[in-house]
């Protein structure tokens, strides 16, 4: 019986539903985010670097650092390509250099990608790291033996951007698991800026040695922070900047457009609900619309509260349509 069914082009059991064309669904897997690719590239670069450092018979910077790290001589030899490649390499003797950059990039990138979007985040990382490297290179041009590695300049730039968007964001933790510590992001940004300026003036500018053979590129960090602030201050909301490259919060075309009510008309308010939308900045409004659209995709239109419906109606006149 089964063989007859197979010869006739039919099968029974669970497989039969999948063979019906009208039961098939076009499933498209979620794309890997730009942040995941960046973190994977950093991890891959560090693992390759660590492998070659373990098999190298000579201590200190190995072949990978000499080829892809940033030095004045390597900058000339690679026609500037080392401005990009040096960010994927980190110190193999100080594990917190790579681990700290990876954790901060994950935390800051996760918070900023709804605001910046999947295209602006990698672009901002490249700009902060490259221009921070230019700052370091200008200071160390007459020091051919100096070597610069790491993505700390890019992380410092993201840190400043995040602090500018969320100056009152509070972080609470236990110092050494004993003493509670609480601070705002704007205070942390000023503290990091002060530490960087102090190290630049006292250590890097006079070319003095730090304890424990530490080498900190304060000039690169300072350049990355300046680029991050310049982006927030003059680029992010500039009218000349392409609005199509904003975060994925513009309203989709399938959402029906309702005519705006007259200026004198007051929308009915149900008892117990406050439909007055809060005052959002453009970036906060995009993030809130993203959250509501995700909720529609997971739970349907019926799951929206009256306040969320009102927010979508108001956002139609403020956000560009894709």
C-alpha atoms as a PDB file:
ATOM      1  CA  UNK A   1       0.000   0.000   0.000  1.00  0.00           C
ATOM      2  CA  UNK A   2       2.803   2.393   0.933  1.00  0.00           C
ATOM      3  CA  UNK A   3       4.713   1.606  -2.269  1.00  0.00           C
ATOM      4  CA  UNK A   4       1.584   2.267  -4.332  1.00  0.00           C
ATOM      5  CA  UNK A   5       1.116   5.618  -2.655  1.00  0.00           C
ATOM      6  CA  UNK A   6       4.746   6.565  -3.292  1.00  0.00           C
ATOM      7  CA  UNK A   7       4.516   5.549  -6.977  1.00  0.00           C
ATOM      8  CA  UNK A   8       1.396   7.639  -7.315  1.00  0.00           C
ATOM      9  CA  UNK A   9       3.285  10.677  -6.012  1.00  0.00           C
ATOM     10  CA  UNK A  10       1.683  10.710  -2.561  1.00  0.00           C
ATOM     11  CA  UNK A  11       2.882   9.987   0.921  1.00  0.00           C
ATOM     12  CA  UNK A  12       1.030   9.662   4.146  1.00  0.00           C
ATOM     13  CA  UNK A  13       2.010  10.759   7.603  1.00  0.00           C
ATOM     14  CA  UNK A  14       3.654  14.025   8.729  1.00  0.00           C
ATOM     15  CA  UNK A  15       5.570  14.503   5.478  1.00  0.00           C
ATOM     16  CA  UNK A  16       2.441  14.920   3.382  1.00  0.00           C
ATOM     17  CA  UNK A  17       1.565  18.372   4.786  1.00  0.00           C
ATOM     18  CA  UNK A  18       4.982  19.748   3.944  1.00  0.00           C
ATOM     19  CA  UNK A  19       4.609  18.592   0.322  1.00  0.00           C
ATOM     20  CA  UNK A  20       1.456  20.576  -0.246  1.00  0.00           C
ATOM     21  CA  UNK A  21       2.382  23.930  -1.817  1.00  0.00           C
ATOM     22  CA  UNK A  22      -0.306  25.871   0.054  1.00  0.00           C
ATOM     23  CA  UNK A  23       1.022  24.559   3.389  1.00  0.00           C
ATOM     24  CA  UNK A  24       4.569  25.684   2.790  1.00  0.00           C
ATOM     25  CA  UNK A  25       5.688  28.885   4.447  1.00  0.00           C
ATOM     26  CA  UNK A  26       8.455  31.105   3.200  1.00  0.00           C
ATOM     27  CA  UNK A  27      10.646  31.312   6.296  1.00  0.00           C
ATOM     28  CA  UNK A  28      13.529  33.683   6.281  1.00  0.00           C
ATOM     29  CA  UNK A  29      15.951  33.401   9.144  1.00  0.00           C
ATOM     30  CA  UNK A  30      16.903  36.484  11.077  1.00  0.00           C
ATOM     31  CA  UNK A  31      19.960  38.216   9.678  1.00  0.00           C
ATOM     32  CA  UNK A  32      23.084  38.324  11.771  1.00  0.00           C
ATOM     33  CA  UNK A  33      23.395  41.794  13.265  1.00  0.00           C
ATOM     34  CA  UNK A  34      26.300  44.101  12.513  1.00  0.00           C
ATOM     35  CA  UNK A  35      27.272  43.987  16.187  1.00  0.00           C
ATOM     36  CA  UNK A  36      27.618  40.192  16.083  1.00  0.00           C
ATOM     37  CA  UNK A  37      29.878  40.401  13.030  1.00  0.00           C
ATOM     38  CA  UNK A  38      32.054  43.026  14.700  1.00  0.00           C
ATOM     39  CA  UNK A  39      32.433  41.003  17.898  1.00  0.00           C
ATOM     40  CA  UNK A  40      33.187  37.857  15.893  1.00  0.00           C
ATOM     41  CA  UNK A  41      35.875  39.697  13.910  1.00  0.00           C
ATOM     42  CA  UNK A  42      37.505  40.966  17.109  1.00  0.00           C
ATOM     43  CA  UNK A  43      37.448  37.480  18.647  1.00  0.00           C
ATOM     44  CA  UNK A  44      38.848  35.866  15.487  1.00  0.00           C
ATOM     45  CA  UNK A  45      41.649  38.398  15.204  1.00  0.00           C
ATOM     46  CA  UNK A  46      42.653  37.927  18.833  1.00  0.00           C
ATOM     47  CA  UNK A  47      42.590  34.116  18.613  1.00  0.00           C
ATOM     48  CA  UNK A  48      44.779  34.111  15.495  1.00  0.00           C
ATOM     49  CA  UNK A  49      47.140  36.551  17.156  1.00  0.00           C
ATOM     50  CA  UNK A  50      47.242  34.466  20.340  1.00  0.00           C
ATOM     51  CA  UNK A  51      47.956  31.284  18.397  1.00  0.00           C
ATOM     52  CA  UNK A  52      50.957  32.782  16.607  1.00  0.00           C
ATOM     53  CA  UNK A  53      52.263  34.326  19.808  1.00  0.00           C
ATOM     54  CA  UNK A  54      52.201  30.908  21.518  1.00  0.00           C
ATOM     55  CA  UNK A  55      54.157  29.163  18.773  1.00  0.00           C
ATOM     56  CA  UNK A  56      56.606  32.025  18.281  1.00  0.00           C
ATOM     57  CA  UNK A  57      60.020  31.398  19.860  1.00  0.00           C
ATOM     58  CA  UNK A  58      60.627  35.128  20.351  1.00  0.00           C
ATOM     59  CA  UNK A  59      58.885  37.067  23.120  1.00  0.00           C
ATOM     60  CA  UNK A  60      57.174  40.353  22.402  1.00  0.00           C
ATOM     61  CA  UNK A  61      55.259  41.471  19.289  1.00  0.00           C
ATOM     62  CA  UNK A  62      55.209  38.730  16.682  1.00  0.00           C
ATOM     63  CA  UNK A  63      54.791  38.545  12.940  1.00  0.00           C
ATOM     64  CA  UNK A  64      51.058  39.323  13.032  1.00  0.00           C
ATOM     65  CA  UNK A  65      51.597  42.521  15.025  1.00  0.00           C
ATOM     66  CA  UNK A  66      54.370  43.630  12.686  1.00  0.00           C
ATOM     67  CA  UNK A  67      52.188  43.050   9.626  1.00  0.00           C
ATOM     68  CA  UNK A  68      48.808  44.349  10.826  1.00  0.00           C
ATOM     69  CA  UNK A  69      49.694  46.579  13.789  1.00  0.00           C
ATOM     70  CA  UNK A  70      50.061  50.342  13.468  1.00  0.00           C
ATOM     71  CA  UNK A  71      53.581  51.768  13.427  1.00  0.00           C
ATOM     72  CA  UNK A  72      54.902  54.760  11.488  1.00  0.00           C
ATOM     73  CA  UNK A  73      56.883  52.438   9.228  1.00  0.00           C
ATOM     74  CA  UNK A  74      53.994  50.013   8.741  1.00  0.00           C
ATOM     75  CA  UNK A  75      51.674  52.897   7.890  1.00  0.00           C
ATOM     76  CA  UNK A  76      53.922  53.810   4.968  1.00  0.00           C
ATOM     77  CA  UNK A  77      54.466  50.205   3.897  1.00  0.00           C
ATOM     78  CA  UNK A  78      50.753  49.274   3.843  1.00  0.00           C
ATOM     79  CA  UNK A  79      49.551  52.557   2.288  1.00  0.00           C
ATOM     80  CA  UNK A  80      47.465  53.256   5.390  1.00  0.00           C
ATOM     81  CA  UNK A  81      45.776  49.849   5.552  1.00  0.00           C
ATOM     82  CA  UNK A  82      47.115  49.311   9.076  1.00  0.00           C
ATOM     83  CA  UNK A  83      44.758  52.081  10.233  1.00  0.00           C
ATOM     84  CA  UNK A  84      41.983  49.497   9.835  1.00  0.00           C
ATOM     85  CA  UNK A  85      43.735  46.248  10.688  1.00  0.00           C
ATOM     86  CA  UNK A  86      45.291  47.365  13.986  1.00  0.00           C
ATOM     87  CA  UNK A  87      41.862  47.510  15.635  1.00  0.00           C
ATOM     88  CA  UNK A  88      41.441  43.724  15.391  1.00  0.00           C
ATOM     89  CA  UNK A  89      44.631  43.023  17.358  1.00  0.00           C
ATOM     90  CA  UNK A  90      45.133  43.359  21.114  1.00  0.00           C
ATOM     91  CA  UNK A  91      47.768  42.729  23.716  1.00  0.00           C
ATOM     92  CA  UNK A  92      48.390  39.020  24.305  1.00  0.00           C
ATOM     93  CA  UNK A  93      50.073  39.672  27.660  1.00  0.00           C
ATOM     94  CA  UNK A  94      47.229  41.735  29.157  1.00  0.00           C
ATOM     95  CA  UNK A  95      44.012  39.760  28.635  1.00  0.00           C
ATOM     96  CA  UNK A  96      41.762  42.571  29.861  1.00  0.00           C
ATOM     97  CA  UNK A  97      42.729  44.644  26.825  1.00  0.00           C
ATOM     98  CA  UNK A  98      40.777  42.342  24.501  1.00  0.00           C
ATOM     99  CA  UNK A  99      38.209  41.188  27.062  1.00  0.00           C
ATOM    100  CA  UNK A 100      37.364  44.693  28.233  1.00  0.00           C
ATOM    101  CA  UNK A 101      36.985  46.034  24.696  1.00  0.00           C
ATOM    102  CA  UNK A 102      34.774  43.102  23.729  1.00  0.00           C
ATOM    103  CA  UNK A 103      32.464  43.470  26.729  1.00  0.00           C
ATOM    104  CA  UNK A 104      32.152  47.232  26.359  1.00  0.00           C
ATOM    105  CA  UNK A 105      31.525  46.941  22.626  1.00  0.00           C
ATOM    106  CA  UNK A 106      28.788  44.374  23.290  1.00  0.00           C
ATOM    107  CA  UNK A 107      27.101  46.511  25.957  1.00  0.00           C
ATOM    108  CA  UNK A 108      27.359  49.857  24.174  1.00  0.00           C
ATOM    109  CA  UNK A 109      26.555  48.427  20.741  1.00  0.00           C
ATOM    110  CA  UNK A 110      23.458  46.650  22.044  1.00  0.00           C
ATOM    111  CA  UNK A 111      22.189  49.927  23.514  1.00  0.00           C
ATOM    112  CA  UNK A 112      23.095  52.140  20.553  1.00  0.00           C
ATOM    113  CA  UNK A 113      22.095  50.017  17.559  1.00  0.00           C
ATOM    114  CA  UNK A 114      18.340  50.864  17.952  1.00  0.00           C
ATOM    115  CA  UNK A 115      19.306  54.555  17.857  1.00  0.00           C
ATOM    116  CA  UNK A 116      22.077  54.566  15.260  1.00  0.00           C
ATOM    117  CA  UNK A 117      20.857  51.731  13.053  1.00  0.00           C
ATOM    118  CA  UNK A 118      22.768  48.755  11.581  1.00  0.00           C
ATOM    119  CA  UNK A 119      24.687  50.918   9.100  1.00  0.00           C
ATOM    120  CA  UNK A 120      25.714  53.858  11.217  1.00  0.00           C
ATOM    121  CA  UNK A 121      27.107  51.770  14.072  1.00  0.00           C
ATOM    122  CA  UNK A 122      29.897  50.100  12.004  1.00  0.00           C
ATOM    123  CA  UNK A 123      30.574  53.403  10.257  1.00  0.00           C
ATOM    124  CA  UNK A 124      30.953  55.209  13.564  1.00  0.00           C
ATOM    125  CA  UNK A 125      33.249  52.471  14.882  1.00  0.00           C
ATOM    126  CA  UNK A 126      35.491  52.726  11.825  1.00  0.00           C
ATOM    127  CA  UNK A 127      35.582  56.541  11.968  1.00  0.00           C
ATOM    128  CA  UNK A 128      36.453  56.674  15.671  1.00  0.00           C
ATOM    129  CA  UNK A 129      39.146  53.999  15.411  1.00  0.00           C
ATOM    130  CA  UNK A 130      40.745  55.390  12.254  1.00  0.00           C
ATOM    131  CA  UNK A 131      40.768  59.031  13.369  1.00  0.00           C
ATOM    132  CA  UNK A 132      41.935  57.992  16.831  1.00  0.00           C
ATOM    133  CA  UNK A 133      44.796  56.114  15.152  1.00  0.00           C
ATOM    134  CA  UNK A 134      45.623  59.235  13.129  1.00  0.00           C
ATOM    135  CA  UNK A 135      45.907  61.193  16.387  1.00  0.00           C
ATOM    136  CA  UNK A 136      48.267  58.566  17.808  1.00  0.00           C
ATOM    137  CA  UNK A 137      50.269  58.467  14.586  1.00  0.00           C
ATOM    138  CA  UNK A 138      50.766  62.237  14.550  1.00  0.00           C
ATOM    139  CA  UNK A 139      52.241  62.103  18.049  1.00  0.00           C
ATOM    140  CA  UNK A 140      54.425  59.015  17.454  1.00  0.00           C
ATOM    141  CA  UNK A 141      55.595  59.793  13.921  1.00  0.00           C
ATOM    142  CA  UNK A 142      59.162  60.375  15.116  1.00  0.00           C
ATOM    143  CA  UNK A 143      59.142  57.226  17.277  1.00  0.00           C
ATOM    144  CA  UNK A 144      59.518  54.364  14.763  1.00  0.00           C
ATOM    145  CA  UNK A 145      59.647  51.640  17.426  1.00  0.00           C
ATOM    146  CA  UNK A 146      56.230  52.422  18.915  1.00  0.00           C
ATOM    147  CA  UNK A 147      53.339  50.039  18.219  1.00  0.00           C
ATOM    148  CA  UNK A 148      49.598  50.671  18.524  1.00  0.00           C
ATOM    149  CA  UNK A 149      46.992  47.889  18.781  1.00  0.00           C
ATOM    150  CA  UNK A 150      43.362  47.590  19.805  1.00  0.00           C
ATOM    151  CA  UNK A 151      39.882  49.029  19.364  1.00  0.00           C
ATOM    152  CA  UNK A 152      39.829  51.116  22.555  1.00  0.00           C
ATOM    153  CA  UNK A 153      39.571  54.337  20.547  1.00  0.00           C
ATOM    154  CA  UNK A 154      36.356  53.063  18.915  1.00  0.00           C
ATOM    155  CA  UNK A 155      34.952  51.905  22.263  1.00  0.00           C
ATOM    156  CA  UNK A 156      35.809  55.294  23.807  1.00  0.00           C
ATOM    157  CA  UNK A 157      33.941  57.038  20.992  1.00  0.00           C
ATOM    158  CA  UNK A 158      30.872  54.812  21.481  1.00  0.00           C
ATOM    159  CA  UNK A 159      31.051  55.471  25.213  1.00  0.00           C
ATOM    160  CA  UNK A 160      30.876  59.234  24.643  1.00  0.00           C
ATOM    161  CA  UNK A 161      27.982  58.865  22.171  1.00  0.00           C
ATOM    162  CA  UNK A 162      26.053  56.696  24.625  1.00  0.00           C
ATOM    163  CA  UNK A 163      26.691  59.186  27.445  1.00  0.00           C
ATOM    164  CA  UNK A 164      25.455  62.051  25.235  1.00  0.00           C
ATOM    165  CA  UNK A 165      22.242  60.179  24.413  1.00  0.00           C
ATOM    166  CA  UNK A 166      21.716  58.978  28.010  1.00  0.00           C
ATOM    167  CA  UNK A 167      23.452  61.435  30.354  1.00  0.00           C
ATOM    168  CA  UNK A 168      21.251  60.502  33.331  1.00  0.00           C
ATOM    169  CA  UNK A 169      21.520  56.732  32.808  1.00  0.00           C
ATOM    170  CA  UNK A 170      22.573  55.283  36.168  1.00  0.00           C
ATOM    171  CA  UNK A 171      24.816  52.278  36.698  1.00  0.00           C
ATOM    172  CA  UNK A 172      24.840  50.484  40.060  1.00  0.00           C
ATOM    173  CA  UNK A 173      27.237  47.722  41.070  1.00  0.00           C
ATOM    174  CA  UNK A 174      29.142  46.319  44.045  1.00  0.00           C
ATOM    175  CA  UNK A 175      32.817  47.227  44.116  1.00  0.00           C
ATOM    176  CA  UNK A 176      34.736  44.058  45.017  1.00  0.00           C
ATOM    177  CA  UNK A 177      31.279  42.609  45.841  1.00  0.00           C
ATOM    178  CA  UNK A 178      31.264  44.680  49.057  1.00  0.00           C
ATOM    179  CA  UNK A 179      30.712  48.399  48.510  1.00  0.00           C
ATOM    180  CA  UNK A 180      27.759  49.702  46.476  1.00  0.00           C
ATOM    181  CA  UNK A 181      28.754  52.191  43.774  1.00  0.00           C
ATOM    182  CA  UNK A 182      26.343  54.290  41.734  1.00  0.00           C
ATOM    183  CA  UNK A 183      27.105  56.864  39.058  1.00  0.00           C
ATOM    184  CA  UNK A 184      25.563  58.517  36.021  1.00  0.00           C
ATOM    185  CA  UNK A 185      26.883  58.055  32.506  1.00  0.00           C
ATOM    186  CA  UNK A 186      27.783  61.723  32.107  1.00  0.00           C
ATOM    187  CA  UNK A 187      29.958  61.551  35.230  1.00  0.00           C
ATOM    188  CA  UNK A 188      31.649  58.389  33.947  1.00  0.00           C
ATOM    189  CA  UNK A 189      32.320  60.083  30.577  1.00  0.00           C
ATOM    190  CA  UNK A 190      33.913  63.099  32.266  1.00  0.00           C
ATOM    191  CA  UNK A 191      35.991  60.801  34.497  1.00  0.00           C
ATOM    192  CA  UNK A 192      37.255  58.835  31.467  1.00  0.00           C
ATOM    193  CA  UNK A 193      38.037  62.090  29.658  1.00  0.00           C
ATOM    194  CA  UNK A 194      39.975  63.392  32.672  1.00  0.00           C
ATOM    195  CA  UNK A 195      41.957  60.157  32.981  1.00  0.00           C
ATOM    196  CA  UNK A 196      42.767  60.234  29.261  1.00  0.00           C
ATOM    197  CA  UNK A 197      43.932  63.855  29.330  1.00  0.00           C
ATOM    198  CA  UNK A 198      46.023  63.210  32.433  1.00  0.00           C
ATOM    199  CA  UNK A 199      47.699  60.180  30.863  1.00  0.00           C
ATOM    200  CA  UNK A 200      48.256  62.057  27.621  1.00  0.00           C
ATOM    201  CA  UNK A 201      50.022  64.953  29.357  1.00  0.00           C
ATOM    202  CA  UNK A 202      51.992  63.011  31.985  1.00  0.00           C
ATOM    203  CA  UNK A 203      52.794  59.759  30.191  1.00  0.00           C
ATOM    204  CA  UNK A 204      52.422  59.772  26.422  1.00  0.00           C
ATOM    205  CA  UNK A 205      53.529  63.287  25.561  1.00  0.00           C
ATOM    206  CA  UNK A 206      56.859  63.050  27.433  1.00  0.00           C
ATOM    207  CA  UNK A 207      57.195  59.335  26.451  1.00  0.00           C
ATOM    208  CA  UNK A 208      57.645  58.074  30.019  1.00  0.00           C
ATOM    209  CA  UNK A 209      57.245  54.451  31.063  1.00  0.00           C
ATOM    210  CA  UNK A 210      54.234  53.168  33.009  1.00  0.00           C
ATOM    211  CA  UNK A 211      54.470  50.543  35.777  1.00  0.00           C
ATOM    212  CA  UNK A 212      54.025  46.840  34.917  1.00  0.00           C
ATOM    213  CA  UNK A 213      55.154  47.557  31.321  1.00  0.00           C
ATOM    214  CA  UNK A 214      51.724  48.934  30.448  1.00  0.00           C
ATOM    215  CA  UNK A 215      51.362  50.855  27.203  1.00  0.00           C
ATOM    216  CA  UNK A 216      48.242  53.000  26.904  1.00  0.00           C
ATOM    217  CA  UNK A 217      47.510  54.989  23.746  1.00  0.00           C
ATOM    218  CA  UNK A 218      45.855  57.968  25.428  1.00  0.00           C
ATOM    219  CA  UNK A 219      46.103  60.058  22.254  1.00  0.00           C
ATOM    220  CA  UNK A 220      44.112  57.477  20.256  1.00  0.00           C
ATOM    221  CA  UNK A 221      41.467  57.275  22.986  1.00  0.00           C
ATOM    222  CA  UNK A 222      41.224  61.062  23.060  1.00  0.00           C
ATOM    223  CA  UNK A 223      40.811  61.193  19.280  1.00  0.00           C
ATOM    224  CA  UNK A 224      38.055  58.569  19.385  1.00  0.00           C
ATOM    225  CA  UNK A 225      36.199  60.487  22.106  1.00  0.00           C
ATOM    226  CA  UNK A 226      36.376  63.723  20.128  1.00  0.00           C
ATOM    227  CA  UNK A 227      35.012  61.992  17.027  1.00  0.00           C
ATOM    228  CA  UNK A 228      32.156  60.480  19.062  1.00  0.00           C
ATOM    229  CA  UNK A 229      31.178  63.870  20.470  1.00  0.00           C
ATOM    230  CA  UNK A 230      31.431  65.500  17.037  1.00  0.00           C
ATOM    231  CA  UNK A 231      29.122  62.837  15.605  1.00  0.00           C
ATOM    232  CA  UNK A 232      26.503  63.416  18.310  1.00  0.00           C
ATOM    233  CA  UNK A 233      26.799  67.201  18.169  1.00  0.00           C
ATOM    234  CA  UNK A 234      26.937  67.898  14.436  1.00  0.00           C
ATOM    235  CA  UNK A 235      26.154  64.747  12.427  1.00  0.00           C
ATOM    236  CA  UNK A 236      23.452  62.538  13.953  1.00  0.00           C
ATOM    237  CA  UNK A 237      20.516  64.970  13.648  1.00  0.00           C
ATOM    238  CA  UNK A 238      21.968  67.138  10.885  1.00  0.00           C
ATOM    239  CA  UNK A 239      19.448  67.841   8.079  1.00  0.00           C
ATOM    240  CA  UNK A 240      22.101  67.145   5.421  1.00  0.00           C
ATOM    241  CA  UNK A 241      22.672  63.630   6.727  1.00  0.00           C
ATOM    242  CA  UNK A 242      20.786  60.929   4.804  1.00  0.00           C
ATOM    243  CA  UNK A 243      17.562  60.174   6.744  1.00  0.00           C
ATOM    244  CA  UNK A 244      17.217  56.818   4.954  1.00  0.00           C
ATOM    245  CA  UNK A 245      20.155  55.518   6.977  1.00  0.00           C
ATOM    246  CA  UNK A 246      18.462  56.072  10.319  1.00  0.00           C
ATOM    247  CA  UNK A 247      17.526  53.293  12.702  1.00  0.00           C
ATOM    248  CA  UNK A 248      14.939  50.737  11.595  1.00  0.00           C
ATOM    249  CA  UNK A 249      12.075  52.655  13.145  1.00  0.00           C
ATOM    250  CA  UNK A 250      10.377  54.228  10.147  1.00  0.00           C
ATOM    251  CA  UNK A 251       6.799  53.110   9.724  1.00  0.00           C
ATOM    252  CA  UNK A 252       6.277  50.225   7.254  1.00  0.00           C
ATOM    253  CA  UNK A 253       4.143  50.754   4.163  1.00  0.00           C
ATOM    254  CA  UNK A 254       1.638  48.067   5.164  1.00  0.00           C
ATOM    255  CA  UNK A 255       0.526  50.085   8.184  1.00  0.00           C
ATOM    256  CA  UNK A 256      -2.668  51.934   7.148  1.00  0.00           C
ATOM    257  CA  UNK A 257      -2.504  55.697   7.111  1.00  0.00           C
ATOM    258  CA  UNK A 258      -5.318  57.496   8.868  1.00  0.00           C
ATOM    259  CA  UNK A 259      -6.126  61.110   8.153  1.00  0.00           C
ATOM    260  CA  UNK A 260      -5.005  63.471  10.874  1.00  0.00           C
ATOM    261  CA  UNK A 261      -7.882  64.803  13.017  1.00  0.00           C
ATOM    262  CA  UNK A 262      -8.702  68.511  12.865  1.00  0.00           C
ATOM    263  CA  UNK A 263      -6.665  70.732  15.101  1.00  0.00           C
ATOM    264  CA  UNK A 264      -9.671  71.590  17.256  1.00  0.00           C
ATOM    265  CA  UNK A 265     -10.901  68.029  17.605  1.00  0.00           C
ATOM    266  CA  UNK A 266     -10.077  66.209  20.839  1.00  0.00           C
ATOM    267  CA  UNK A 267      -9.726  62.416  20.608  1.00  0.00           C
ATOM    268  CA  UNK A 268     -11.987  60.484  22.945  1.00  0.00           C
ATOM    269  CA  UNK A 269     -10.263  59.232  26.050  1.00  0.00           C
ATOM    270  CA  UNK A 270     -11.407  56.000  27.639  1.00  0.00           C
ATOM    271  CA  UNK A 271     -11.743  56.007  31.422  1.00  0.00           C
ATOM    272  CA  UNK A 272      -8.619  54.836  33.139  1.00  0.00           C
ATOM    273  CA  UNK A 273      -6.312  55.469  30.168  1.00  0.00           C
ATOM    274  CA  UNK A 274      -3.998  58.395  29.593  1.00  0.00           C
ATOM    275  CA  UNK A 275      -3.605  58.719  25.831  1.00  0.00           C
ATOM    276  CA  UNK A 276      -1.511  61.857  25.955  1.00  0.00           C
ATOM    277  CA  UNK A 277       1.784  60.810  24.342  1.00  0.00           C
ATOM    278  CA  UNK A 278       4.907  61.626  26.325  1.00  0.00           C
ATOM    279  CA  UNK A 279       7.437  64.021  24.881  1.00  0.00           C
ATOM    280  CA  UNK A 280      10.009  61.944  23.000  1.00  0.00           C
ATOM    281  CA  UNK A 281      13.143  63.001  21.213  1.00  0.00           C
ATOM    282  CA  UNK A 282      13.359  61.722  17.599  1.00  0.00           C
ATOM    283  CA  UNK A 283      15.741  58.954  18.644  1.00  0.00           C
ATOM    284  CA  UNK A 284      13.518  57.876  21.565  1.00  0.00           C
ATOM    285  CA  UNK A 285      10.438  57.959  19.319  1.00  0.00           C
ATOM    286  CA  UNK A 286      12.133  55.637  16.798  1.00  0.00           C
ATOM    287  CA  UNK A 287      13.109  53.218  19.540  1.00  0.00           C
ATOM    288  CA  UNK A 288       9.556  53.213  20.958  1.00  0.00           C
ATOM    289  CA  UNK A 289       8.029  52.612  17.513  1.00  0.00           C
ATOM    290  CA  UNK A 290      10.459  49.715  16.998  1.00  0.00           C
ATOM    291  CA  UNK A 291       9.286  48.171  20.249  1.00  0.00           C
ATOM    292  CA  UNK A 292       5.610  48.517  19.281  1.00  0.00           C
ATOM    293  CA  UNK A 293       6.194  47.024  15.816  1.00  0.00           C
ATOM    294  CA  UNK A 294       8.010  44.074  17.380  1.00  0.00           C
ATOM    295  CA  UNK A 295       5.043  43.597  19.687  1.00  0.00           C
ATOM    296  CA  UNK A 296       2.693  43.598  16.680  1.00  0.00           C
ATOM    297  CA  UNK A 297       4.835  40.956  14.990  1.00  0.00           C
ATOM    298  CA  UNK A 298       4.794  38.711  18.053  1.00  0.00           C
ATOM    299  CA  UNK A 299       1.286  39.230  19.473  1.00  0.00           C
ATOM    300  CA  UNK A 300      -0.760  40.942  16.770  1.00  0.00           C
ATOM    301  CA  UNK A 301      -2.499  44.323  16.542  1.00  0.00           C
ATOM    302  CA  UNK A 302      -5.020  43.339  19.199  1.00  0.00           C
ATOM    303  CA  UNK A 303      -2.284  43.286  21.835  1.00  0.00           C
ATOM    304  CA  UNK A 304      -1.641  47.048  21.614  1.00  0.00           C
ATOM    305  CA  UNK A 305      -2.789  49.303  24.417  1.00  0.00           C
ATOM    306  CA  UNK A 306      -4.691  52.506  23.607  1.00  0.00           C
ATOM    307  CA  UNK A 307      -1.597  54.540  24.427  1.00  0.00           C
ATOM    308  CA  UNK A 308       0.506  52.502  21.986  1.00  0.00           C
ATOM    309  CA  UNK A 309      -2.082  52.914  19.215  1.00  0.00           C
ATOM    310  CA  UNK A 310      -2.126  56.658  19.835  1.00  0.00           C
ATOM    311  CA  UNK A 311       1.672  56.755  19.690  1.00  0.00           C
ATOM    312  CA  UNK A 312       1.692  55.006  16.290  1.00  0.00           C
ATOM    313  CA  UNK A 313      -0.887  57.462  14.966  1.00  0.00           C
ATOM    314  CA  UNK A 314       1.221  60.414  16.109  1.00  0.00           C
ATOM    315  CA  UNK A 315       4.431  58.897  14.740  1.00  0.00           C
ATOM    316  CA  UNK A 316       3.025  58.691  11.184  1.00  0.00           C
ATOM    317  CA  UNK A 317       3.423  62.408  10.742  1.00  0.00           C
ATOM    318  CA  UNK A 318       6.905  62.530  12.271  1.00  0.00           C
ATOM    319  CA  UNK A 319       8.779  59.510  10.879  1.00  0.00           C
ATOM    320  CA  UNK A 320       9.718  58.909   7.199  1.00  0.00           C
ATOM    321  CA  UNK A 321       7.969  56.052   5.417  1.00  0.00           C
ATOM    322  CA  UNK A 322      10.054  53.261   3.888  1.00  0.00           C
END
